[in-house]
Amino acid sequence: MGVGGGLGMETTNCGTLLRELQQIWAEVGESEGEKNKVLSEIERECLEVYRRKVDDANRTRVQLHQSVATKEAEVASLVAILGEHKLYLKKDKSVVPLKEQLAAVVPVLENLKGKKEERLKQFSDIQSQIEKIRSELSEYSDCDDKANSLIVDENDLSTRKLNNYQAQLRALQKEKSDRLHKVLEYVNEVHCLCGVLGIDFGKTVNGVHPSLHQNGLEQSTNISNSTLEGLAKTISNLKAERRSRIDKIRETMESLCKLWKLMDSPEEERRQFNRVLSVLISSEEDISSPGVLSQETIEKMDAEVERLTKLKARRLKEIFMKKRSELEEICRSAHIEPDASTAPEQTNEMIDSGMIDPSELLAKIESQILKAKEESLSRKDIMDRINKWISACDEEAWLEEYNQDSKRYSAGRGAHINLRRAEKARILDQKKLESILLKEKEAIFGSKGSPKRAVSLNRRTNGYRSSGTTSGLMTPNPRRSSLGGATPELLTPRSCSGHYNRYFSDSRRLSATQLNFGDDSLSTFTSISGQFIGVIAK
């Protein structure tokens, strides 16, 4: 029955084969026992074939279950990792064959794997950027080493975590952008200050960080806290240097302006410093002209001040020399010793050393000149008398030589000129004697005589004496002679001229100390006159 049922389930070929086998057995005359044995073997062999097929089918079903379960587990894991729960919806397994389940889960799994690879790349890129920016913000730039050793956590690739990383990246990018703008602002300010001060910009920023002056793309600009602090400190130092140089240039410019005004410098010499002068009237922040506060400009201004100072000293020495010469001339004419405090040696030393203000020194010598002029004016009367006296003595000496000349009456050329001079000299000697006698009389009697007595005195001095008559006529002195007479000593008392000439020559050598023309100037002059009178009386 089993075999038959089994055979019945097969195609008609099995029944045909069985009928053919029975026909053969009938023709052969096979026994029933042998037939049953053969049929039993056929049924056993069929069962074994069915068992193998069932086993194979069971194995296939198990493998399908395992595959579906594995892929579903992998899908579930990827869904959990990616956080994409909406990408896969489970179906009712009771109504879906295994092969359909497997066919449905495979594309989902492949899609999730692609999502994972994409998500891994996103995480890797974001983390690399984060580490790079963090390295740029830190003190050391070791982002390449960190990027090579970067490990992405594959257990959590969810969009939530990706969004967190993206938020971190945006915050770091903003901080980087802010710092980069701040660094560039600082660098530009340093560049401007270095240009104004004439300082090497590259050397200055390299001292803060080499990346600030590198033009290559292989290294990014360092924007760490230390770089910002270094740039801020550099700017502060440069501003302090700018302020110091402005003060120095302003001080030097004030000296230059004073020297220009004092020396009356031409516009061509001043024009070269017009740019510096225009800068000084501007605020510090508005100064941007390259090199206007450079050390070269300061040295150039210092050199100009030194040149003008030397020129001023040279001209001041010339002015003081002229003033000193004027003072010495006034003192010489007034027989006064000039003040030694303004001697050329003293003034030159004070001018060179800068120990005294030239205006004070000039005022001092002007004051000395004024005092000397006042003193000379107070001595003018007595000095005029002395000069006249000296002139009279010179004429007397000439007259003496003229009278001793045996050829004075020759009719040579110019003889009449000498005769006129001799007559004038005679009259000047007479006036000198009259003045001496009058001064002596005033010194004795204390007052001037009457005009009549003075005329009498003059007449006696001129060589006349009274006849004793009441007519008032005077008889000439027998010793009086003409200009060319044999006794010229009476006209000019040559018998005593040597004496008073000696006294007067001594008076010529009197210094300002000896000739104190103060209150006792008249007594001194009277004393000298008395000596002359005494000599004449002898």
Protein backbone atom coordinates (compact mmCIF):
# COMPACT_ATOMS: atom_id res chain seq x y z
CA MET A 1 0.00 0.00 0.00
CA GLY A 2 2.73 2.32 0.92
CA VAL A 3 4.59 1.56 -2.20
CA GLY A 4 1.54 1.71 -4.26
CA GLY A 5 0.50 4.97 -2.73
CA GLY A 6 3.94 6.21 -3.21
CA LEU A 7 4.02 4.96 -6.71
CA GLY A 8 0.65 6.39 -7.33
CA MET A 9 2.01 9.76 -6.44
CA GLU A 10 4.59 9.35 -9.11
CA THR A 11 3.94 9.58 -12.74
CA THR A 12 2.35 6.76 -14.71
CA ASN A 13 5.76 5.51 -15.61
CA CYS A 14 6.08 3.77 -12.21
CA GLY A 15 2.73 1.80 -12.68
CA THR A 16 3.76 0.90 -16.19
CA LEU A 17 7.04 -0.42 -14.92
CA LEU A 18 5.24 -2.40 -12.17
CA ARG A 19 2.78 -4.00 -14.68
CA GLU A 20 5.68 -4.78 -16.96
CA LEU A 21 7.46 -6.43 -14.01
CA GLN A 22 4.35 -8.56 -13.14
CA GLN A 23 4.05 -9.66 -16.81
CA ILE A 24 7.64 -10.77 -16.66
CA TRP A 25 7.07 -12.61 -13.43
CA ALA A 26 3.99 -14.35 -14.96
CA GLU A 27 5.92 -15.46 -17.97
CA VAL A 28 8.74 -16.67 -15.79
CA GLY A 29 6.45 -18.29 -13.26
CA GLU A 30 8.00 -16.47 -10.29
CA SER A 31 6.68 -17.55 -6.92
CA GLU A 32 4.64 -15.26 -4.71
CA GLY A 33 7.26 -15.22 -2.04
CA GLU A 34 9.92 -14.02 -4.43
CA LYS A 35 7.56 -11.39 -5.79
CA ASN A 36 6.82 -10.07 -2.34
CA LYS A 37 10.51 -9.96 -1.50
CA VAL A 38 11.26 -7.93 -4.59
CA LEU A 39 8.36 -5.59 -3.93
CA SER A 40 9.54 -5.12 -0.33
CA GLU A 41 13.01 -4.11 -1.56
CA ILE A 42 11.49 -1.71 -4.04
CA GLU A 43 9.38 -0.10 -1.26
CA ARG A 44 12.44 0.22 1.07
CA GLU A 45 14.53 1.82 -1.60
CA CYS A 46 11.74 4.32 -2.33
CA LEU A 47 11.54 5.21 1.36
CA GLU A 48 15.26 5.89 1.49
CA VAL A 49 14.99 8.20 -1.51
CA TYR A 50 12.12 10.09 0.10
CA ARG A 51 14.06 10.37 3.38
CA ARG A 52 17.03 11.87 1.66
CA LYS A 53 14.83 14.39 -0.08
CA VAL A 54 13.10 15.31 3.16
CA ASP A 55 16.42 15.72 4.92
CA ASP A 56 17.67 17.93 2.14
CA ALA A 57 14.52 20.01 2.35
CA ASN A 58 14.89 20.36 6.12
CA ARG A 59 18.49 21.48 5.75
CA THR A 60 17.46 24.03 3.16
CA ARG A 61 14.73 25.36 5.43
CA VAL A 62 17.15 25.61 8.35
CA GLN A 63 19.68 27.48 6.25
CA LEU A 64 16.99 29.88 5.07
CA HIS A 65 15.92 30.47 8.67
CA GLN A 66 19.52 31.09 9.68
CA SER A 67 20.14 33.43 6.77
CA VAL A 68 17.02 35.41 7.40
CA ALA A 69 17.77 35.55 11.13
CA THR A 70 21.37 36.59 10.54
CA LYS A 71 20.49 39.27 8.05
CA GLU A 72 17.67 40.52 10.21
CA ALA A 73 20.02 40.67 13.19
CA GLU A 74 22.55 42.56 11.09
CA VAL A 75 19.83 44.89 9.89
CA ALA A 76 18.72 45.44 13.47
CA SER A 77 22.29 46.19 14.50
CA LEU A 78 22.79 48.65 11.66
CA VAL A 79 19.46 50.26 12.40
CA ALA A 80 20.54 50.66 16.03
CA ILE A 81 23.95 52.00 15.06
CA LEU A 82 22.59 54.42 12.48
CA GLY A 83 19.48 55.22 14.45
CA GLU A 84 17.44 54.73 11.29
CA HIS A 85 14.44 52.82 12.70
CA LYS A 86 12.16 54.07 10.00
CA LEU A 87 14.20 52.45 7.26
CA TYR A 88 13.10 48.87 8.12
CA LEU A 89 9.66 47.62 9.17
CA LYS A 90 9.26 43.94 10.17
CA LYS A 91 6.50 41.84 8.45
CA ASP A 92 4.40 38.91 9.76
CA LYS A 93 6.58 35.79 9.27
CA SER A 94 3.65 33.38 9.50
CA VAL A 95 2.30 34.31 6.10
CA VAL A 96 5.59 35.09 4.32
CA PRO A 97 7.77 32.23 3.02
CA LEU A 98 11.39 32.15 4.05
CA LYS A 99 12.69 32.84 0.60
CA GLU A 100 10.51 35.93 0.34
CA GLN A 101 11.67 37.06 3.78
CA LEU A 102 15.27 36.60 2.69
CA ALA A 103 14.66 38.40 -0.57
CA ALA A 104 13.08 41.28 1.35
CA VAL A 105 15.80 41.68 4.00
CA VAL A 106 18.82 41.55 1.68
CA PRO A 107 18.27 44.94 -0.05
CA VAL A 108 17.52 46.53 3.30
CA LEU A 109 20.77 45.19 4.65
CA GLU A 110 22.72 46.40 1.64
CA ASN A 111 21.14 49.83 1.97
CA LEU A 112 22.02 50.00 5.65
CA LYS A 113 25.61 48.95 4.93
CA GLY A 114 25.90 51.76 2.39
CA LYS A 115 24.46 54.16 4.94
CA LYS A 116 27.00 52.97 7.48
CA GLU A 117 29.94 53.51 5.14
CA GLU A 118 28.66 56.96 4.27
CA ARG A 119 28.09 57.78 7.93
CA LEU A 120 31.57 56.55 8.85
CA LYS A 121 33.06 58.86 6.25
CA GLN A 122 31.02 61.77 7.59
CA PHE A 123 32.13 61.09 11.14
CA SER A 124 35.74 60.72 10.06
CA ASP A 125 35.71 63.97 8.12
CA ILE A 126 34.04 65.92 10.91
CA GLN A 127 36.31 64.53 13.57
CA SER A 128 39.35 65.30 11.42
CA GLN A 129 38.22 68.90 10.99
CA ILE A 130 37.52 69.20 14.70
CA GLU A 131 40.94 67.86 15.61
CA LYS A 132 42.62 70.13 13.06
CA ILE A 133 40.93 73.26 14.39
CA ARG A 134 41.63 72.22 17.96
CA SER A 135 45.27 71.80 17.04
CA GLU A 136 45.30 75.26 15.46
CA LEU A 137 43.79 76.72 18.60
CA SER A 138 46.24 74.88 20.82
CA GLU A 139 49.87 75.78 21.48
CA TYR A 140 51.25 73.10 19.14
CA SER A 141 50.30 72.16 15.57
CA ASP A 142 50.29 68.34 15.61
CA CYS A 143 47.03 67.83 13.70
CA ASP A 144 48.62 65.53 11.12
CA ASP A 145 49.64 62.97 13.75
CA LYS A 146 46.23 63.10 15.37
CA ALA A 147 44.47 62.72 12.04
CA ASN A 148 46.46 59.59 11.24
CA SER A 149 45.67 58.05 14.62
CA LEU A 150 41.97 59.07 14.58
CA ILE A 151 39.56 56.19 15.45
CA VAL A 152 35.83 56.50 14.79
CA ASP A 153 33.45 54.79 17.23
CA GLU A 154 31.38 52.49 14.98
CA ASN A 155 28.95 51.57 17.75
CA ASP A 156 27.19 54.90 17.51
CA LEU A 157 26.80 56.44 14.10
CA SER A 158 23.45 57.98 14.75
CA THR A 159 22.33 61.24 13.29
CA ARG A 160 22.02 62.62 16.81
CA LYS A 161 25.72 62.07 17.43
CA LEU A 162 26.55 63.35 13.96
CA ASN A 163 24.59 66.51 14.70
CA ASN A 164 26.53 66.94 17.95
CA TYR A 165 29.82 66.70 16.07
CA GLN A 166 28.56 69.15 13.47
CA ALA A 167 27.59 71.59 16.22
CA GLN A 168 31.07 71.27 17.74
CA LEU A 169 32.62 71.83 14.34
CA ARG A 170 30.54 74.95 13.70
CA ALA A 171 31.48 76.36 17.11
CA LEU A 172 35.16 75.67 16.50
CA GLN A 173 34.96 77.12 13.00
CA LYS A 174 33.40 80.29 14.40
CA GLU A 175 36.08 80.53 17.06
CA LYS A 176 38.72 79.93 14.41
CA SER A 177 37.21 82.59 12.18
CA ASP A 178 37.09 85.08 15.04
CA ARG A 179 40.67 84.35 16.03
CA LEU A 180 41.86 84.45 12.45
CA HIS A 181 40.24 87.85 11.97
CA LYS A 182 41.81 88.99 15.23
CA VAL A 183 45.24 87.67 14.19
CA LEU A 184 44.96 89.33 10.78
CA GLU A 185 43.88 92.56 12.45
CA TYR A 186 46.87 92.39 14.79
CA VAL A 187 49.24 91.51 11.93
CA ASN A 188 47.96 94.42 9.83
CA GLU A 189 48.42 96.77 12.77
CA VAL A 190 51.94 95.47 13.33
CA HIS A 191 52.65 95.94 9.61
CA CYS A 192 51.41 99.54 9.74
CA LEU A 193 53.39 100.34 12.90
CA CYS A 194 56.54 98.74 11.50
CA GLY A 195 56.13 100.79 8.32
CA VAL A 196 55.76 104.04 10.25
CA LEU A 197 58.70 103.24 12.54
CA GLY A 198 60.86 101.83 9.74
CA ILE A 199 61.22 98.43 11.49
CA ASP A 200 61.57 95.06 9.70
CA PHE A 201 58.05 93.57 9.69
CA GLY A 202 59.11 89.98 8.90
CA LYS A 203 61.62 89.88 11.72
CA THR A 204 59.07 91.34 14.13
CA VAL A 205 56.26 88.82 13.48
CA ASN A 206 58.67 85.91 13.23
CA GLY A 207 59.55 86.63 16.83
CA VAL A 208 55.91 85.91 17.69
CA HIS A 209 55.36 82.85 15.43
CA PRO A 210 56.95 81.87 12.09
CA SER A 211 53.60 81.00 10.51
CA LEU A 212 52.57 84.68 10.62
CA HIS A 213 55.00 85.56 7.82
CA GLN A 214 55.04 82.35 5.74
CA ASN A 215 53.54 82.59 2.28
CA GLY A 216 53.30 78.85 1.65
CA LEU A 217 50.11 76.83 1.94
CA GLU A 218 51.67 73.86 3.68
CA GLN A 219 51.31 75.47 7.11
CA SER A 220 48.26 77.35 8.33
CA THR A 221 48.47 80.55 10.35
CA ASN A 222 48.83 79.90 14.04
CA ILE A 223 45.91 81.38 15.95
CA SER A 224 46.62 80.08 19.43
CA ASN A 225 46.29 82.08 22.61
CA SER A 226 50.04 82.53 22.86
CA THR A 227 50.13 83.98 19.33
CA LEU A 228 47.35 86.44 20.13
CA GLU A 229 49.06 87.42 23.38
CA GLY A 230 52.40 87.80 21.60
CA LEU A 231 50.88 90.01 18.90
CA ALA A 232 49.08 92.14 21.49
CA LYS A 233 52.33 92.60 23.42
CA THR A 234 54.22 93.44 20.23
CA ILE A 235 51.62 96.06 19.31
CA SER A 236 51.86 97.56 22.78
CA ASN A 237 55.65 97.75 22.52
CA LEU A 238 55.47 99.30 19.05
CA LYS A 239 52.96 101.89 20.22
CA ALA A 240 55.20 102.75 23.16
CA GLU A 241 58.13 103.10 20.76
CA ARG A 242 55.97 105.26 18.48
CA ARG A 243 55.03 107.50 21.40
CA SER A 244 58.67 107.77 22.47
CA ARG A 245 59.80 108.65 18.96
CA ILE A 246 57.03 111.23 18.58
CA ASP A 247 58.19 112.90 21.80
CA LYS A 248 61.79 112.76 20.60
CA ILE A 249 60.92 114.16 17.17
CA ARG A 250 58.68 116.85 18.69
CA GLU A 251 61.50 117.92 21.01
CA THR A 252 63.98 117.91 18.14
CA MET A 253 61.54 119.78 15.89
CA GLU A 254 61.10 122.49 18.54
CA SER A 255 64.87 122.91 18.62
CA LEU A 256 64.92 123.00 14.82
CA CYS A 257 62.21 125.66 14.67
CA LYS A 258 64.07 127.81 17.18
CA LEU A 259 67.30 127.40 15.23
CA TRP A 260 65.54 128.13 11.90
CA LYS A 261 64.07 131.31 13.34
CA LEU A 262 67.34 132.33 14.98
CA MET A 263 69.47 131.55 11.92
CA ASP A 264 66.83 132.79 9.45
CA SER A 265 67.16 129.53 7.52
CA PRO A 266 65.85 129.49 3.93
CA GLU A 267 62.70 127.62 2.96
CA GLU A 268 64.73 125.02 1.04
CA GLU A 269 66.33 123.80 4.27
CA ARG A 270 62.99 123.63 6.06
CA ARG A 271 61.07 121.91 3.26
CA GLN A 272 62.77 118.56 3.78
CA PHE A 273 61.11 118.30 7.21
CA ASN A 274 57.63 119.44 6.18
CA ARG A 275 56.32 115.87 6.24
CA VAL A 276 57.55 115.38 9.81
CA LEU A 277 56.10 118.74 10.82
CA SER A 278 52.69 117.82 9.40
CA VAL A 279 52.76 114.51 11.28
CA LEU A 280 53.36 116.20 14.63
CA ILE A 281 50.09 118.12 14.39
CA SER A 282 48.16 114.86 13.85
CA SER A 283 47.02 112.36 16.46
CA GLU A 284 49.07 109.20 17.02
CA GLU A 285 46.44 106.94 15.46
CA ASP A 286 46.35 109.04 12.26
CA ILE A 287 50.09 108.70 11.60
CA SER A 288 50.49 106.19 8.77
CA SER A 289 53.12 107.64 6.44
CA PRO A 290 55.84 104.99 5.91
CA GLY A 291 59.18 105.76 7.55
CA VAL A 292 58.05 109.09 9.00
CA LEU A 293 59.09 108.01 12.52
CA SER A 294 62.05 105.88 11.47
CA GLN A 295 65.39 105.97 13.21
CA GLU A 296 66.84 107.35 9.99
CA THR A 297 64.50 110.36 10.18
CA ILE A 298 65.46 110.98 13.82
CA GLU A 299 69.16 110.75 12.99
CA LYS A 300 68.66 113.12 10.06
CA MET A 301 66.92 115.65 12.32
CA ASP A 302 69.61 115.27 14.99
CA ALA A 303 72.28 115.86 12.37
CA GLU A 304 70.47 119.01 11.21
CA VAL A 305 70.19 120.25 14.80
CA GLU A 306 73.88 119.57 15.34
CA ARG A 307 74.78 121.40 12.13
CA LEU A 308 72.65 124.41 12.96
CA THR A 309 73.91 124.41 16.55
CA LYS A 310 77.51 124.54 15.35
CA LEU A 311 76.59 127.26 12.88
CA LYS A 312 74.80 129.16 15.63
CA ALA A 313 77.80 128.81 17.93
CA ARG A 314 80.07 130.07 15.17
CA ARG A 315 77.84 133.05 14.48
CA LEU A 316 77.37 133.74 18.18
CA LYS A 317 81.12 133.78 18.57
CA GLU A 318 81.34 136.28 15.73
CA ILE A 319 78.62 138.43 17.31
CA PHE A 320 80.25 138.26 20.72
CA MET A 321 83.61 139.04 19.16
CA LYS A 322 82.16 142.18 17.55
CA LYS A 323 80.46 143.17 20.79
CA ARG A 324 83.67 142.51 22.71
CA SER A 325 85.64 144.59 20.24
CA GLU A 326 83.10 147.38 20.65
CA LEU A 327 83.40 147.13 24.44
CA GLU A 328 87.20 147.12 24.33
CA GLU A 329 87.23 150.12 21.99
CA ILE A 330 84.95 152.08 24.32
CA CYS A 331 87.03 151.08 27.34
CA ARG A 332 90.25 151.92 25.53
CA SER A 333 89.05 155.38 24.59
CA ALA A 334 87.85 155.94 28.16
CA HIS A 335 90.94 154.34 29.77
CA ILE A 336 88.80 151.62 31.43
CA GLU A 337 89.70 148.00 31.92
CA PRO A 338 86.97 145.83 30.22
CA ASP A 339 85.21 143.18 32.28
CA ALA A 340 87.13 139.90 31.97
CA SER A 341 83.98 137.79 32.39
CA THR A 342 83.09 138.38 28.73
CA ALA A 343 86.56 137.83 27.33
CA PRO A 344 86.63 135.75 24.11
CA GLU A 345 88.19 132.79 25.88
CA GLN A 346 85.43 132.80 28.48
CA THR A 347 82.51 133.29 26.08
CA ASN A 348 83.75 130.70 23.57
CA GLU A 349 84.09 128.10 26.30
CA MET A 350 80.61 128.85 27.66
CA ILE A 351 79.08 128.73 24.16
CA ASP A 352 80.73 125.40 23.32
CA SER A 353 79.78 123.79 26.61
CA GLY A 354 76.23 125.19 26.63
CA MET A 355 76.67 126.26 30.26
CA ILE A 356 74.77 129.51 29.69
CA ASP A 357 71.95 130.71 27.52
CA PRO A 358 73.39 132.78 24.64
CA SER A 359 70.66 135.38 25.14
CA GLU A 360 71.79 135.84 28.74
CA LEU A 361 75.39 136.12 27.63
CA LEU A 362 74.44 138.63 24.94
CA ALA A 363 72.41 140.64 27.47
CA LYS A 364 75.39 140.59 29.81
CA ILE A 365 77.83 141.97 27.27
CA GLU A 366 75.22 144.52 26.11
CA SER A 367 74.91 145.64 29.71
CA GLN A 368 78.68 145.97 29.96
CA ILE A 369 78.73 148.03 26.77
CA LEU A 370 75.98 150.28 28.14
CA LYS A 371 77.84 150.78 31.41
CA ALA A 372 81.07 151.47 29.55
CA LYS A 373 79.30 154.05 27.38
CA GLU A 374 77.83 155.71 30.46
CA GLU A 375 81.25 155.75 32.15
CA SER A 376 82.85 157.05 28.98
CA LEU A 377 80.22 159.79 28.75
CA SER A 378 80.87 160.79 32.36
CA ARG A 379 84.60 161.10 31.54
CA LYS A 380 84.09 162.87 28.24
CA ASP A 381 84.93 166.37 29.55
CA ILE A 382 88.18 165.41 31.20
CA MET A 383 89.15 163.10 28.32
CA ASP A 384 88.54 165.92 25.82
CA ARG A 385 90.83 168.12 27.87
CA ILE A 386 93.48 165.46 28.01
CA ASN A 387 93.24 164.86 24.27
CA LYS A 388 93.58 168.59 23.63
CA TRP A 389 96.53 168.67 25.99
CA ILE A 390 98.16 165.77 24.16
CA SER A 391 97.53 167.49 20.82
CA ALA A 392 99.07 170.72 22.17
CA CYS A 393 102.14 168.83 23.40
CA ASP A 394 102.53 167.19 20.00
CA GLU A 395 102.31 170.59 18.29
CA GLU A 396 104.81 172.03 20.78
CA ALA A 397 107.24 169.24 20.04
CA TRP A 398 106.82 169.89 16.32
CA LEU A 399 107.32 173.64 16.86
CA GLU A 400 110.51 172.98 18.79
CA GLU A 401 111.88 170.88 15.97
CA TYR A 402 110.73 173.51 13.48
CA ASN A 403 112.49 176.34 15.37
CA GLN A 404 115.71 174.31 15.43
CA ASP A 405 115.56 173.83 11.67
CA SER A 406 118.02 176.29 10.06
CA LYS A 407 116.26 176.01 6.71
CA ARG A 408 112.81 176.88 8.01
CA TYR A 409 112.86 180.24 6.19
CA SER A 410 113.90 178.86 2.87
CA ALA A 411 111.58 179.51 -0.03
CA GLY A 412 111.11 175.86 -0.67
CA ARG A 413 107.90 174.25 -1.63
CA GLY A 414 105.39 174.06 1.23
CA ALA A 415 107.30 176.53 3.46
CA HIS A 416 104.24 178.75 3.85
CA ILE A 417 102.26 175.76 5.15
CA ASN A 418 104.85 175.14 7.85
CA LEU A 419 104.76 178.84 8.79
CA ARG A 420 101.00 178.70 9.23
CA ARG A 421 101.27 175.56 11.33
CA ALA A 422 103.99 177.19 13.46
CA GLU A 423 101.75 180.19 14.12
CA LYS A 424 98.85 177.93 15.12
CA ALA A 425 101.17 175.89 17.36
CA ARG A 426 102.38 179.04 19.08
CA ILE A 427 98.83 180.16 19.81
CA LEU A 428 97.94 176.61 21.13
CA ASP A 429 100.96 176.60 23.49
CA GLN A 430 99.90 179.99 24.83
CA LYS A 431 96.34 178.82 25.44
CA LYS A 432 97.67 175.74 27.20
CA LEU A 433 99.77 177.82 29.57
CA GLU A 434 96.88 180.14 30.25
CA SER A 435 94.70 177.17 31.11
CA ILE A 436 97.36 175.73 33.42
CA LEU A 437 97.82 179.03 35.26
CA LEU A 438 94.09 179.54 35.56
CA LYS A 439 93.51 176.06 36.98
CA GLU A 440 96.34 176.57 39.45
CA LYS A 441 94.84 179.86 40.57
CA GLU A 442 91.42 178.31 41.02
CA ALA A 443 92.99 175.53 43.08
CA ILE A 444 94.71 178.13 45.30
CA PHE A 445 91.94 180.72 45.74
CA GLY A 446 88.98 178.41 45.36
CA SER A 447 87.12 180.62 42.87
CA LYS A 448 87.61 182.20 39.48
CA GLY A 449 89.11 185.66 39.19
CA SER A 450 87.40 188.68 37.69
CA PRO A 451 87.51 189.13 33.96
CA LYS A 452 89.82 192.15 34.38
CA ARG A 453 92.31 190.20 36.45
CA ALA A 454 92.07 187.33 34.05
CA VAL A 455 92.91 189.65 31.16
CA SER A 456 95.83 190.97 33.15
CA LEU A 457 96.98 187.46 33.83
CA ASN A 458 96.66 186.59 30.18
CA ARG A 459 98.64 189.59 29.17
CA ARG A 460 101.40 188.79 31.60
CA THR A 461 101.42 185.28 30.29
CA ASN A 462 101.72 186.53 26.72
CA GLY A 463 104.98 188.27 27.63
CA TYR A 464 103.71 191.77 28.62
CA ARG A 465 104.15 193.49 31.96
CA SER A 466 102.52 196.61 33.39
CA SER A 467 104.21 200.01 33.08
CA GLY A 468 102.72 201.22 36.34
CA THR A 469 100.88 204.18 34.68
CA THR A 470 97.20 204.94 35.17
CA SER A 471 96.57 204.88 31.44
CA GLY A 472 96.49 201.14 31.54
CA LEU A 473 98.88 200.87 28.64
CA MET A 474 101.26 197.93 28.67
CA THR A 475 104.80 198.09 27.43
CA PRO A 476 106.06 195.10 25.59
CA ASN A 477 108.58 192.86 27.24
CA PRO A 478 112.00 193.48 25.76
CA ARG A 479 112.52 189.71 25.52
CA ARG A 480 109.46 189.17 23.28
CA SER A 481 110.40 188.46 19.70
CA SER A 482 108.69 187.46 16.52
CA LEU A 483 107.91 183.95 15.46
CA GLY A 484 111.27 183.58 13.90
CA GLY A 485 113.27 185.42 16.60
CA ALA A 486 116.38 184.22 18.35
CA THR A 487 114.66 183.54 21.64
CA PRO A 488 111.69 181.27 20.87
CA GLU A 489 111.80 179.78 24.35
CA LEU A 490 109.75 182.67 25.68
CA LEU A 491 106.90 181.98 23.28
CA THR A 492 106.86 178.34 24.26
CA PRO A 493 108.58 177.69 27.53
CA ARG A 494 111.00 175.11 26.14
CA SER A 495 113.25 175.61 29.15
CA CYS A 496 110.75 173.56 31.08
CA SER A 497 109.07 171.74 28.22
CA GLY A 498 111.14 168.67 28.83
CA HIS A 499 109.87 168.52 32.38
CA TYR A 500 106.19 168.83 31.71
CA ASN A 501 106.43 166.71 28.60
CA ARG A 502 107.86 164.00 30.82
CA TYR A 503 104.98 164.43 33.25
CA PHE A 504 102.44 164.39 30.49
CA SER A 505 103.94 161.38 28.83
CA ASP A 506 103.50 159.68 32.18
CA SER A 507 99.88 160.70 32.19
CA ARG A 508 99.43 159.08 28.78
CA ARG A 509 100.36 155.78 30.31
CA LEU A 510 97.90 156.07 33.15
CA SER A 511 95.47 153.20 33.29
CA ALA A 512 91.79 153.36 34.10
CA THR A 513 92.64 152.51 37.70
CA GLN A 514 95.15 155.35 37.98
CA LEU A 515 92.86 157.84 36.19
CA ASN A 516 89.83 157.51 38.39
CA PHE A 517 87.62 160.14 36.80
CA GLY A 518 85.12 160.19 39.56
CA ASP A 519 84.63 162.87 42.16
CA ASP A 520 88.37 163.36 42.56
CA SER A 521 89.06 163.67 38.81
CA LEU A 522 89.41 167.43 39.03
CA SER A 523 91.80 167.27 41.97
CA THR A 524 93.93 164.74 40.09
CA PHE A 525 94.01 166.98 37.03
CA THR A 526 94.79 170.02 39.22
CA SER A 527 97.60 168.14 40.90
CA ILE A 528 99.12 167.27 37.54
CA SER A 529 98.66 170.88 36.42
CA GLY A 530 100.32 172.03 39.62
CA GLN A 531 103.33 169.92 38.82
CA PHE A 532 103.56 171.55 35.39
CA ILE A 533 103.22 175.02 36.96
CA GLY A 534 105.89 174.16 39.50
CA VAL A 535 108.27 173.11 36.75
CA ILE A 536 107.51 176.26 34.76
CA ALA A 537 108.07 178.41 37.86
CA LYS A 538 111.50 176.91 38.32
